[in-house]
Amino acid sequence: LRALPALILVLLALALSLPVLALVGSWAQWNAESA
């Protein structure tokens, strides 16, 4: 119960930042077609 607010906060931040993080991570998926 004490850790629940921190867990919710981390999940919320992850959900709202995931699209931006996915864009940055797209460079790790470099392939011949996109190149």
PDB file of all heavy atoms in Angstrom:
ATOM      1  N   LEU A   1       0.827  -1.204   0.000  1.00  0.00           N
ATOM      2  CA  LEU A   1       0.000   0.000   0.000  1.00  0.00           C
ATOM      3  C   LEU A   1       0.864   1.258   0.000  1.00  0.00           C
ATOM      4  O   LEU A   1       0.543   2.240  -0.666  1.00  0.00           O
ATOM      5  CB  LEU A   1      -0.926  -0.003   1.217  1.00  0.00           C
ATOM      6  CG  LEU A   1      -2.077  -1.014   1.199  1.00  0.00           C
ATOM      7  CD1 LEU A   1      -2.872  -0.944   2.495  1.00  0.00           C
ATOM      8  CD2 LEU A   1      -3.001  -0.757   0.007  1.00  0.00           C
ATOM      9  N   ARG A   2       1.967   1.225   0.736  1.00  0.00           N
ATOM     10  CA  ARG A   2       2.838   2.398   0.767  1.00  0.00           C
ATOM     11  C   ARG A   2       3.546   2.614  -0.561  1.00  0.00           C
ATOM     12  O   ARG A   2       3.828   3.748  -0.943  1.00  0.00           O
ATOM     13  CB  ARG A   2       3.858   2.252   1.889  1.00  0.00           C
ATOM     14  CG  ARG A   2       3.252   2.367   3.276  1.00  0.00           C
ATOM     15  CD  ARG A   2       4.326   2.275   4.345  1.00  0.00           C
ATOM     16  NE  ARG A   2       3.766   2.507   5.677  1.00  0.00           N
ATOM     17  CZ  ARG A   2       4.482   2.460   6.802  1.00  0.00           C
ATOM     18  NH1 ARG A   2       5.794   2.202   6.739  1.00  0.00           N
ATOM     19  NH2 ARG A   2       3.902   2.689   7.970  1.00  0.00           N
ATOM     20  N   ALA A   3       3.848   1.508  -1.240  1.00  0.00           N
ATOM     21  CA  ALA A   3       4.535   1.622  -2.524  1.00  0.00           C
ATOM     22  C   ALA A   3       3.588   1.871  -3.686  1.00  0.00           C
ATOM     23  O   ALA A   3       4.044   2.192  -4.786  1.00  0.00           O
ATOM     24  CB  ALA A   3       5.347   0.352  -2.791  1.00  0.00           C
ATOM     25  N   LEU A   4       2.270   1.729  -3.454  1.00  0.00           N
ATOM     26  CA  LEU A   4       1.313   1.849  -4.553  1.00  0.00           C
ATOM     27  C   LEU A   4       1.331   3.222  -5.218  1.00  0.00           C
ATOM     28  O   LEU A   4       1.338   3.295  -6.458  1.00  0.00           O
ATOM     29  CB  LEU A   4      -0.101   1.517  -4.052  1.00  0.00           C
ATOM     30  CG  LEU A   4      -1.194   1.443  -5.115  1.00  0.00           C
ATOM     31  CD1 LEU A   4      -0.856   0.375  -6.151  1.00  0.00           C
ATOM     32  CD2 LEU A   4      -2.544   1.146  -4.471  1.00  0.00           C
ATOM     33  N   PRO A   5       1.331   4.342  -4.478  1.00  0.00           N
ATOM     34  CA  PRO A   5       1.377   5.647  -5.166  1.00  0.00           C
ATOM     35  C   PRO A   5       2.603   5.821  -6.051  1.00  0.00           C
ATOM     36  O   PRO A   5       2.494   6.337  -7.172  1.00  0.00           O
ATOM     37  CB  PRO A   5       1.376   6.649  -4.001  1.00  0.00           C
ATOM     38  CG  PRO A   5       0.743   5.924  -2.873  1.00  0.00           C
ATOM     39  CD  PRO A   5       1.184   4.501  -3.021  1.00  0.00           C
ATOM     40  N   ALA A   6       3.771   5.374  -5.568  1.00  0.00           N
ATOM     41  CA  ALA A   6       4.973   5.489  -6.392  1.00  0.00           C
ATOM     42  C   ALA A   6       4.867   4.623  -7.638  1.00  0.00           C
ATOM     43  O   ALA A   6       5.287   5.026  -8.729  1.00  0.00           O
ATOM     44  CB  ALA A   6       6.208   5.101  -5.582  1.00  0.00           C
ATOM     45  N   LEU A   7       4.273   3.422  -7.494  1.00  0.00           N
ATOM     46  CA  LEU A   7       4.102   2.545  -8.647  1.00  0.00           C
ATOM     47  C   LEU A   7       3.159   3.166  -9.672  1.00  0.00           C
ATOM     48  O   LEU A   7       3.431   3.137 -10.881  1.00  0.00           O
ATOM     49  CB  LEU A   7       3.571   1.187  -8.179  1.00  0.00           C
ATOM     50  CG  LEU A   7       3.297   0.152  -9.278  1.00  0.00           C
ATOM     51  CD1 LEU A   7       4.580  -0.180 -10.024  1.00  0.00           C
ATOM     52  CD2 LEU A   7       2.655  -1.096  -8.683  1.00  0.00           C
ATOM     53  N   ILE A   8       2.050   3.733  -9.198  1.00  0.00           N
ATOM     54  CA  ILE A   8       1.101   4.385 -10.111  1.00  0.00           C
ATOM     55  C   ILE A   8       1.767   5.552 -10.813  1.00  0.00           C
ATOM     56  O   ILE A   8       1.571   5.773 -12.017  1.00  0.00           O
ATOM     57  CB  ILE A   8      -0.144   4.844  -9.330  1.00  0.00           C
ATOM     58  CG1 ILE A   8      -0.917   3.632  -8.794  1.00  0.00           C
ATOM     59  CG2 ILE A   8      -1.055   5.694 -10.223  1.00  0.00           C
ATOM     60  CD1 ILE A   8      -2.096   4.005  -7.923  1.00  0.00           C
ATOM     61  N   LEU A   9       2.582   6.296 -10.082  1.00  0.00           N
ATOM     62  CA  LEU A   9       3.269   7.443 -10.674  1.00  0.00           C
ATOM     63  C   LEU A   9       4.228   7.001 -11.778  1.00  0.00           C
ATOM     64  O   LEU A   9       4.286   7.607 -12.844  1.00  0.00           O
ATOM     65  CB  LEU A   9       4.024   8.199  -9.580  1.00  0.00           C
ATOM     66  CG  LEU A   9       4.752   9.474 -10.007  1.00  0.00           C
ATOM     67  CD1 LEU A   9       3.758  10.504 -10.505  1.00  0.00           C
ATOM     68  CD2 LEU A   9       5.559  10.026  -8.845  1.00  0.00           C
ATOM     69  N   VAL A  10       4.969   5.927 -11.526  1.00  0.00           N
ATOM     70  CA  VAL A  10       5.907   5.424 -12.535  1.00  0.00           C
ATOM     71  C   VAL A  10       5.154   4.933 -13.769  1.00  0.00           C
ATOM     72  O   VAL A  10       5.546   5.217 -14.914  1.00  0.00           O
ATOM     73  CB  VAL A  10       6.774   4.304 -11.942  1.00  0.00           C
ATOM     74  CG1 VAL A  10       7.585   3.616 -13.031  1.00  0.00           C
ATOM     75  CG2 VAL A  10       7.701   4.861 -10.868  1.00  0.00           C
ATOM     76  N   LEU A  11       4.067   4.200 -13.559  1.00  0.00           N
ATOM     77  CA  LEU A  11       3.278   3.701 -14.692  1.00  0.00           C
ATOM     78  C   LEU A  11       2.665   4.853 -15.485  1.00  0.00           C
ATOM     79  O   LEU A  11       2.620   4.822 -16.723  1.00  0.00           O
ATOM     80  CB  LEU A  11       2.182   2.757 -14.188  1.00  0.00           C
ATOM     81  CG  LEU A  11       2.662   1.433 -13.596  1.00  0.00           C
ATOM     82  CD1 LEU A  11       1.476   0.631 -13.063  1.00  0.00           C
ATOM     83  CD2 LEU A  11       3.416   0.619 -14.634  1.00  0.00           C
ATOM     84  N   LEU A  12       2.191   5.883 -14.785  1.00  0.00           N
ATOM     85  CA  LEU A  12       1.612   7.040 -15.461  1.00  0.00           C
ATOM     86  C   LEU A  12       2.669   7.757 -16.298  1.00  0.00           C
ATOM     87  O   LEU A  12       2.431   8.099 -17.470  1.00  0.00           O
ATOM     88  CB  LEU A  12       1.016   7.987 -14.421  1.00  0.00           C
ATOM     89  CG  LEU A  12       0.365   9.276 -14.937  1.00  0.00           C
ATOM     90  CD1 LEU A  12      -0.830   8.949 -15.811  1.00  0.00           C
ATOM     91  CD2 LEU A  12      -0.051  10.171 -13.769  1.00  0.00           C
ATOM     92  N   ALA A  13       3.833   7.986 -15.712  1.00  0.00           N
ATOM     93  CA  ALA A  13       4.901   8.652 -16.457  1.00  0.00           C
ATOM     94  C   ALA A  13       5.347   7.812 -17.651  1.00  0.00           C
ATOM     95  O   ALA A  13       5.622   8.342 -18.726  1.00  0.00           O
ATOM     96  CB  ALA A  13       6.086   8.934 -15.531  1.00  0.00           C
ATOM     97  N   LEU A  14       5.389   6.489 -17.475  1.00  0.00           N
ATOM     98  CA  LEU A  14       5.793   5.614 -18.575  1.00  0.00           C
ATOM     99  C   LEU A  14       4.780   5.655 -19.708  1.00  0.00           C
ATOM    100  O   LEU A  14       5.148   5.742 -20.890  1.00  0.00           O
ATOM    101  CB  LEU A  14       5.961   4.186 -18.063  1.00  0.00           C
ATOM    102  CG  LEU A  14       6.393   3.140 -19.106  1.00  0.00           C
ATOM    103  CD1 LEU A  14       7.764   3.496 -19.674  1.00  0.00           C
ATOM    104  CD2 LEU A  14       6.404   1.745 -18.485  1.00  0.00           C
ATOM    105  N   ALA A  15       3.482   5.606 -19.364  1.00  0.00           N
ATOM    106  CA  ALA A  15       2.440   5.618 -20.392  1.00  0.00           C
ATOM    107  C   ALA A  15       2.436   6.926 -21.175  1.00  0.00           C
ATOM    108  O   ALA A  15       2.222   6.929 -22.389  1.00  0.00           O
ATOM    109  CB  ALA A  15       1.069   5.392 -19.751  1.00  0.00           C
ATOM    110  N   LEU A  16       2.691   8.042 -20.487  1.00  0.00           N
ATOM    111  CA  LEU A  16       2.632   9.342 -21.147  1.00  0.00           C
ATOM    112  C   LEU A  16       3.934   9.712 -21.854  1.00  0.00           C
ATOM    113  O   LEU A  16       3.938  10.631 -22.679  1.00  0.00           O
ATOM    114  CB  LEU A  16       2.278  10.421 -20.123  1.00  0.00           C
ATOM    115  CG  LEU A  16       0.885  10.289 -19.490  1.00  0.00           C
ATOM    116  CD1 LEU A  16       0.645  11.402 -18.487  1.00  0.00           C
ATOM    117  CD2 LEU A  16      -0.211  10.301 -20.549  1.00  0.00           C
ATOM    118  N   SER A  17       5.023   9.019 -21.534  1.00  0.00           N
ATOM    119  CA  SER A  17       6.292   9.288 -22.206  1.00  0.00           C
ATOM    120  C   SER A  17       6.667   8.205 -23.208  1.00  0.00           C
ATOM    121  O   SER A  17       7.645   8.379 -23.950  1.00  0.00           O
ATOM    122  CB  SER A  17       7.416   9.436 -21.171  1.00  0.00           C
ATOM    123  OG  SER A  17       7.575   8.241 -20.424  1.00  0.00           O
ATOM    124  N   LEU A  18       5.918   7.098 -23.242  1.00  0.00           N
ATOM    125  CA  LEU A  18       6.261   5.988 -24.130  1.00  0.00           C
ATOM    126  C   LEU A  18       6.312   6.384 -25.602  1.00  0.00           C
ATOM    127  O   LEU A  18       7.234   5.954 -26.320  1.00  0.00           O
ATOM    128  CB  LEU A  18       5.278   4.832 -23.922  1.00  0.00           C
ATOM    129  CG  LEU A  18       5.552   3.563 -24.727  1.00  0.00           C
ATOM    130  CD1 LEU A  18       6.929   3.004 -24.406  1.00  0.00           C
ATOM    131  CD2 LEU A  18       4.473   2.513 -24.480  1.00  0.00           C
ATOM    132  N   PRO A  19       5.375   7.187 -26.129  1.00  0.00           N
ATOM    133  CA  PRO A  19       5.479   7.568 -27.541  1.00  0.00           C
ATOM    134  C   PRO A  19       6.774   8.298 -27.879  1.00  0.00           C
ATOM    135  O   PRO A  19       7.383   8.034 -28.922  1.00  0.00           O
ATOM    136  CB  PRO A  19       4.250   8.475 -27.745  1.00  0.00           C
ATOM    137  CG  PRO A  19       3.264   7.991 -26.736  1.00  0.00           C
ATOM    138  CD  PRO A  19       4.088   7.623 -25.545  1.00  0.00           C
ATOM    139  N   VAL A  20       7.221   9.202 -27.003  1.00  0.00           N
ATOM    140  CA  VAL A  20       8.472   9.915 -27.263  1.00  0.00           C
ATOM    141  C   VAL A  20       9.664   8.972 -27.147  1.00  0.00           C
ATOM    142  O   VAL A  20      10.594   9.009 -27.966  1.00  0.00           O
ATOM    143  CB  VAL A  20       8.618  11.106 -26.301  1.00  0.00           C
ATOM    144  CG1 VAL A  20       9.937  11.823 -26.527  1.00  0.00           C
ATOM    145  CG2 VAL A  20       7.456  12.073 -26.475  1.00  0.00           C
ATOM    146  N   LEU A  21       9.644   8.091 -26.151  1.00  0.00           N
ATOM    147  CA  LEU A  21      10.723   7.128 -25.997  1.00  0.00           C
ATOM    148  C   LEU A  21      10.776   6.168 -27.181  1.00  0.00           C
ATOM    149  O   LEU A  21      11.869   5.765 -27.612  1.00  0.00           O
ATOM    150  CB  LEU A  21      10.542   6.346 -24.696  1.00  0.00           C
ATOM    151  CG  LEU A  21      10.616   7.158 -23.395  1.00  0.00           C
ATOM    152  CD1 LEU A  21      10.343   6.264 -22.194  1.00  0.00           C
ATOM    153  CD2 LEU A  21      11.973   7.832 -23.256  1.00  0.00           C
ATOM    154  N   ALA A  22       9.609   5.802 -27.729  1.00  0.00           N
ATOM    155  CA  ALA A  22       9.575   4.897 -28.880  1.00  0.00           C
ATOM    156  C   ALA A  22      10.214   5.549 -30.106  1.00  0.00           C
ATOM    157  O   ALA A  22      10.878   4.880 -30.902  1.00  0.00           O
ATOM    158  CB  ALA A  22       8.136   4.494 -29.182  1.00  0.00           C
ATOM    159  N   LEU A  23      10.020   6.860 -30.257  1.00  0.00           N
ATOM    160  CA  LEU A  23      10.650   7.549 -31.384  1.00  0.00           C
ATOM    161  C   LEU A  23      12.168   7.521 -31.264  1.00  0.00           C
ATOM    162  O   LEU A  23      12.883   7.255 -32.230  1.00  0.00           O
ATOM    163  CB  LEU A  23      10.160   8.995 -31.450  1.00  0.00           C
ATOM    164  CG  LEU A  23       8.708   9.210 -31.850  1.00  0.00           C
ATOM    165  CD1 LEU A  23       8.359  10.679 -31.738  1.00  0.00           C
ATOM    166  CD2 LEU A  23       8.472   8.720 -33.255  1.00  0.00           C
ATOM    167  N   VAL A  24      12.655   7.808 -30.072  1.00  0.00           N
ATOM    168  CA  VAL A  24      14.103   7.782 -29.872  1.00  0.00           C
ATOM    169  C   VAL A  24      14.646   6.373 -30.082  1.00  0.00           C
ATOM    170  O   VAL A  24      15.704   6.169 -30.694  1.00  0.00           O
ATOM    171  CB  VAL A  24      14.455   8.307 -28.468  1.00  0.00           C
ATOM    172  CG1 VAL A  24      15.951   8.236 -28.223  1.00  0.00           C
ATOM    173  CG2 VAL A  24      13.956   9.740 -28.302  1.00  0.00           C
ATOM    174  N   GLY A  25      13.893   5.373 -29.609  1.00  0.00           N
ATOM    175  CA  GLY A  25      14.325   3.994 -29.765  1.00  0.00           C
ATOM    176  C   GLY A  25      14.223   3.465 -31.183  1.00  0.00           C
ATOM    177  O   GLY A  25      14.746   2.386 -31.481  1.00  0.00           O
ATOM    178  N   SER A  26      13.547   4.198 -32.082  1.00  0.00           N
ATOM    179  CA  SER A  26      13.414   3.722 -33.460  1.00  0.00           C
ATOM    180  C   SER A  26      14.765   3.628 -34.165  1.00  0.00           C
ATOM    181  O   SER A  26      14.929   2.847 -35.099  1.00  0.00           O
ATOM    182  CB  SER A  26      12.476   4.650 -34.243  1.00  0.00           C
ATOM    183  OG  SER A  26      13.044   5.942 -34.381  1.00  0.00           O
ATOM    184  N   TRP A  27      15.750   4.423 -33.713  1.00  0.00           N
ATOM    185  CA  TRP A  27      17.064   4.370 -34.351  1.00  0.00           C
ATOM    186  C   TRP A  27      17.795   3.075 -34.026  1.00  0.00           C
ATOM    187  O   TRP A  27      18.749   2.709 -34.717  1.00  0.00           O
ATOM    188  CB  TRP A  27      17.898   5.572 -33.921  1.00  0.00           C
ATOM    189  CG  TRP A  27      17.400   6.846 -34.511  1.00  0.00           C
ATOM    190  CD1 TRP A  27      16.587   7.757 -33.917  1.00  0.00           C
ATOM    191  CD2 TRP A  27      17.648   7.332 -35.822  1.00  0.00           C
ATOM    192  NE1 TRP A  27      16.308   8.792 -34.763  1.00  0.00           N
ATOM    193  CE2 TRP A  27      16.954   8.565 -35.960  1.00  0.00           C
ATOM    194  CE3 TRP A  27      18.383   6.862 -36.895  1.00  0.00           C
ATOM    195  CZ2 TRP A  27      16.981   9.311 -37.119  1.00  0.00           C
ATOM    196  CZ3 TRP A  27      18.418   7.615 -38.061  1.00  0.00           C
ATOM    197  CH2 TRP A  27      17.721   8.823 -38.161  1.00  0.00           C
ATOM    198  N   ALA A  28      17.360   2.385 -32.962  1.00  0.00           N
ATOM    199  CA  ALA A  28      17.970   1.090 -32.640  1.00  0.00           C
ATOM    200  C   ALA A  28      17.429  -0.026 -33.535  1.00  0.00           C
ATOM    201  O   ALA A  28      17.969  -1.132 -33.515  1.00  0.00           O
ATOM    202  CB  ALA A  28      17.719   0.742 -31.174  1.00  0.00           C
ATOM    203  N   GLN A  29      16.368   0.265 -34.303  1.00  0.00           N
ATOM    204  CA  GLN A  29      15.769  -0.740 -35.180  1.00  0.00           C
ATOM    205  C   GLN A  29      16.111  -0.456 -36.643  1.00  0.00           C
ATOM    206  O   GLN A  29      15.319  -0.713 -37.543  1.00  0.00           O
ATOM    207  CB  GLN A  29      14.249  -0.749 -34.999  1.00  0.00           C
ATOM    208  CG  GLN A  29      13.813  -0.992 -33.570  1.00  0.00           C
ATOM    209  CD  GLN A  29      12.312  -0.860 -33.412  1.00  0.00           C
ATOM    210  OE1 GLN A  29      11.561  -0.919 -34.376  1.00  0.00           O
ATOM    211  NE2 GLN A  29      11.865  -0.704 -32.178  1.00  0.00           N
ATOM    212  N   TRP A  30      17.280   0.091 -36.875  1.00  0.00           N
ATOM    213  CA  TRP A  30      17.703   0.445 -38.230  1.00  0.00           C
ATOM    214  C   TRP A  30      17.704  -0.799 -39.119  1.00  0.00           C
ATOM    215  O   TRP A  30      18.235  -1.841 -38.768  1.00  0.00           O
ATOM    216  CB  TRP A  30      19.101   1.040 -38.152  1.00  0.00           C
ATOM    217  CG  TRP A  30      19.630   1.521 -39.469  1.00  0.00           C
ATOM    218  CD1 TRP A  30      20.336   0.798 -40.378  1.00  0.00           C
ATOM    219  CD2 TRP A  30      19.511   2.834 -40.010  1.00  0.00           C
ATOM    220  NE1 TRP A  30      20.659   1.569 -41.453  1.00  0.00           N
ATOM    221  CE2 TRP A  30      20.168   2.840 -41.254  1.00  0.00           C
ATOM    222  CE3 TRP A  30      18.907   4.004 -39.569  1.00  0.00           C
ATOM    223  CZ2 TRP A  30      20.247   3.959 -42.057  1.00  0.00           C
ATOM    224  CZ3 TRP A  30      18.997   5.130 -40.357  1.00  0.00           C
ATOM    225  CH2 TRP A  30      19.644   5.101 -41.588  1.00  0.00           C
ATOM    226  N   ASN A  31      17.072  -0.669 -40.302  1.00  0.00           N
ATOM    227  CA  ASN A  31      17.082  -1.779 -41.260  1.00  0.00           C
ATOM    228  C   ASN A  31      17.319  -1.230 -42.662  1.00  0.00           C
ATOM    229  O   ASN A  31      17.317  -0.014 -42.885  1.00  0.00           O
ATOM    230  CB  ASN A  31      15.790  -2.596 -41.196  1.00  0.00           C
ATOM    231  CG  ASN A  31      14.554  -1.747 -41.428  1.00  0.00           C
ATOM    232  OD1 ASN A  31      14.543  -0.856 -42.283  1.00  0.00           O
ATOM    233  ND2 ASN A  31      13.495  -2.018 -40.665  1.00  0.00           N
ATOM    234  N   ALA A  32      17.511  -2.141 -43.600  1.00  0.00           N
ATOM    235  CA  ALA A  32      17.869  -1.738 -44.957  1.00  0.00           C
ATOM    236  C   ALA A  32      16.753  -0.952 -45.628  1.00  0.00           C
ATOM    237  O   ALA A  32      17.010   0.013 -46.366  1.00  0.00           O
ATOM    238  CB  ALA A  32      18.226  -2.971 -45.793  1.00  0.00           C
ATOM    239  N   GLU A  33      15.498  -1.340 -45.378  1.00  0.00           N
ATOM    240  CA  GLU A  33      14.376  -0.667 -46.051  1.00  0.00           C
ATOM    241  C   GLU A  33      14.255   0.783 -45.600  1.00  0.00           C
ATOM    242  O   GLU A  33      14.139   1.697 -46.422  1.00  0.00           O
ATOM    243  CB  GLU A  33      13.081  -1.418 -45.772  1.00  0.00           C
ATOM    244  CG  GLU A  33      11.886  -0.826 -46.496  1.00  0.00           C
ATOM    245  CD  GLU A  33      10.599  -1.559 -46.170  1.00  0.00           C
ATOM    246  OE1 GLU A  33      10.650  -2.548 -45.419  1.00  0.00           O
ATOM    247  OE2 GLU A  33       9.535  -1.138 -46.664  1.00  0.00           O
ATOM    248  N   SER A  34      14.271   0.996 -44.283  1.00  0.00           N
ATOM    249  CA  SER A  34      14.158   2.374 -43.789  1.00  0.00           C
ATOM    250  C   SER A  34      15.382   3.197 -44.194  1.00  0.00           C
ATOM    251  O   SER A  34      15.265   4.386 -44.505  1.00  0.00           O
ATOM    252  CB  SER A  34      13.995   2.382 -42.270  1.00  0.00           C
ATOM    253  OG  SER A  34      15.144   1.845 -41.632  1.00  0.00           O
ATOM    254  N   ALA A  35      16.563   2.564 -44.197  1.00  0.00           N
ATOM    255  CA  ALA A  35      17.767   3.288 -44.620  1.00  0.00           C
ATOM    256  C   ALA A  35      17.661   3.712 -46.073  1.00  0.00           C
ATOM    257  O   ALA A  35      18.041   4.838 -46.436  1.00  0.00           O
ATOM    258  CB  ALA A  35      18.999   2.404 -44.415  1.00  0.00           C
TER     259      ALA A  35
END
